[in-house]
Amino acid sequence: MRNILAKIIFLVHVAIVLTWWGLFFFPLSRWPEKIIFHFYLTMIIVTHQIIWGLLITPWMGKFRIVCILTTLTQLLRGQSLADDKNYDHSFTREILGKVGIKGLPHRFSAMMAFVILIIVSIQYFSQ
């Protein structure tokens, strides 16, 4: 049962990330409010990762931005909250690893999130 729940959460995570990244390619002419939606979605995603990272810092011993879906998936896979396989795990690295792209540092995911935040913020504030 835990395995099934972990797979479901993983697939939800995939859907959210594909939507988040995919919005860059969705035409503004078909959805004029896309930039506003993308900005607020990005703010929610990045803010929740920072807050969740702060909340679990006592168990990790260091601060990292962490998605709660990654934590839930790893807990269901049997990793403890304090295990570096939990807080040092990257959903982006896992997905890219499944398609043969390996060896990306953990910071890659954090950098991607902040690059998206910067791009979306520029789009939002320059409308």
Protein backbone atom coordinates (compact mmCIF):
# COMPACT_ATOMS: atom_id res chain seq x y z
CA MET A 1 0.00 0.00 0.00
CA ARG A 2 2.85 2.39 0.86
CA ASN A 3 4.41 1.71 -2.54
CA ILE A 4 1.17 2.55 -4.33
CA LEU A 5 0.75 5.78 -2.35
CA ALA A 6 4.37 6.73 -3.09
CA LYS A 7 3.76 6.17 -6.82
CA ILE A 8 0.54 8.22 -6.72
CA ILE A 9 2.28 11.12 -4.96
CA PHE A 10 5.17 10.84 -7.41
CA LEU A 11 2.75 11.07 -10.37
CA VAL A 12 0.99 14.08 -8.80
CA HIS A 13 4.44 15.65 -8.43
CA VAL A 14 5.16 14.96 -12.12
CA ALA A 15 1.85 16.58 -13.14
CA ILE A 16 2.51 19.70 -11.04
CA VAL A 17 6.08 20.11 -12.32
CA LEU A 18 5.11 19.54 -15.96
CA THR A 19 2.34 22.13 -15.59
CA TRP A 20 4.70 24.57 -13.86
CA TRP A 21 7.38 24.26 -16.57
CA GLY A 22 4.88 23.78 -19.39
CA LEU A 23 3.21 27.12 -18.76
CA PHE A 24 6.24 28.78 -20.38
CA PHE A 25 5.18 27.17 -23.67
CA PHE A 26 1.44 27.80 -23.44
CA PRO A 27 0.45 30.68 -25.76
CA LEU A 28 -0.58 33.90 -24.06
CA SER A 29 -3.07 34.47 -26.88
CA ARG A 30 -5.06 31.43 -25.71
CA TRP A 31 -4.94 32.36 -22.00
CA PRO A 32 -4.34 36.08 -21.36
CA GLU A 33 -4.14 35.59 -17.56
CA LYS A 34 -1.47 32.89 -17.86
CA ILE A 35 1.32 35.15 -16.58
CA ILE A 36 -0.66 36.03 -13.45
CA PHE A 37 -1.49 32.38 -12.77
CA HIS A 38 2.10 31.27 -13.44
CA PHE A 39 3.46 33.95 -11.09
CA TYR A 40 1.19 32.95 -8.20
CA LEU A 41 1.74 29.23 -8.82
CA THR A 42 5.50 29.84 -8.72
CA MET A 43 5.20 31.89 -5.53
CA ILE A 44 3.22 29.08 -3.87
CA ILE A 45 5.69 26.40 -5.00
CA VAL A 46 8.85 28.27 -3.96
CA THR A 47 7.36 29.63 -0.71
CA HIS A 48 6.11 26.21 0.38
CA GLN A 49 9.55 24.70 -0.33
CA ILE A 50 11.26 27.36 1.79
CA ILE A 51 8.76 27.01 4.65
CA TRP A 52 8.90 23.19 4.57
CA GLY A 53 12.70 23.32 4.43
CA LEU A 54 12.74 25.57 7.51
CA LEU A 55 10.30 23.31 9.37
CA ILE A 56 12.36 20.16 8.84
CA THR A 57 15.76 21.80 9.38
CA PRO A 58 15.97 20.50 13.00
CA TRP A 59 15.83 16.91 11.69
CA MET A 60 18.15 17.54 8.74
CA GLY A 61 20.76 19.58 10.58
CA LYS A 62 20.94 22.04 7.69
CA PHE A 63 18.59 24.14 5.58
CA ARG A 64 17.56 23.04 2.11
CA ILE A 65 14.51 24.00 0.12
CA VAL A 66 12.42 20.85 0.06
CA CYS A 67 9.09 20.03 -1.56
CA ILE A 68 6.66 18.40 0.83
CA LEU A 69 5.71 15.93 -1.92
CA THR A 70 9.33 14.76 -2.11
CA THR A 71 9.37 14.27 1.66
CA LEU A 72 6.09 12.34 1.63
CA THR A 73 7.28 10.14 -1.23
CA GLN A 74 10.57 9.38 0.50
CA LEU A 75 8.84 8.66 3.84
CA LEU A 76 6.52 6.22 2.07
CA ARG A 77 9.59 4.61 0.48
CA GLY A 78 10.93 3.98 3.99
CA GLN A 79 13.41 6.84 4.40
CA SER A 80 13.43 8.60 7.78
CA LEU A 81 13.10 12.37 7.90
CA ALA A 82 16.71 12.67 9.12
CA ASP A 83 18.12 10.37 6.41
CA ASP A 84 20.09 12.24 3.76
CA LYS A 85 18.23 10.16 1.16
CA ASN A 86 15.19 12.16 2.20
CA TYR A 87 16.35 15.78 2.45
CA ASP A 88 19.13 15.41 -0.11
CA HIS A 89 16.78 13.74 -2.58
CA SER A 90 15.78 15.74 -5.61
CA PHE A 91 12.64 15.03 -7.59
CA THR A 92 14.19 16.71 -10.63
CA ARG A 93 17.31 14.52 -10.38
CA GLU A 94 15.14 11.42 -10.02
CA ILE A 95 13.06 12.26 -13.11
CA LEU A 96 16.11 13.18 -15.20
CA GLY A 97 17.88 10.04 -13.96
CA LYS A 98 15.02 7.94 -15.32
CA VAL A 99 15.74 9.35 -18.79
CA GLY A 100 19.50 8.84 -18.51
CA ILE A 101 20.67 12.25 -17.26
CA LYS A 102 22.59 11.53 -14.04
CA GLY A 103 25.03 13.26 -11.73
CA LEU A 104 23.27 16.59 -11.30
CA PRO A 105 24.02 18.28 -7.96
CA HIS A 106 21.20 18.86 -5.46
CA ARG A 107 21.55 22.59 -5.98
CA PHE A 108 20.41 22.13 -9.58
CA SER A 109 16.78 21.77 -8.45
CA ALA A 110 17.00 24.81 -6.20
CA MET A 111 18.62 26.83 -8.98
CA MET A 112 15.89 25.74 -11.43
CA ALA A 113 13.21 26.89 -8.98
CA PHE A 114 14.86 30.28 -8.52
CA VAL A 115 15.49 30.73 -12.26
CA ILE A 116 11.80 30.03 -12.90
CA LEU A 117 10.90 32.47 -10.10
CA ILE A 118 13.06 35.18 -11.68
CA ILE A 119 11.72 34.63 -15.21
CA VAL A 120 8.09 34.52 -14.07
CA SER A 121 8.59 37.60 -11.88
CA ILE A 122 10.07 39.54 -14.80
CA GLN A 123 7.09 38.53 -16.95
CA TYR A 124 4.62 39.44 -14.19
CA PHE A 125 6.10 42.83 -13.30
CA SER A 126 6.69 43.89 -16.91
CA GLN A 127 3.08 43.46 -18.06
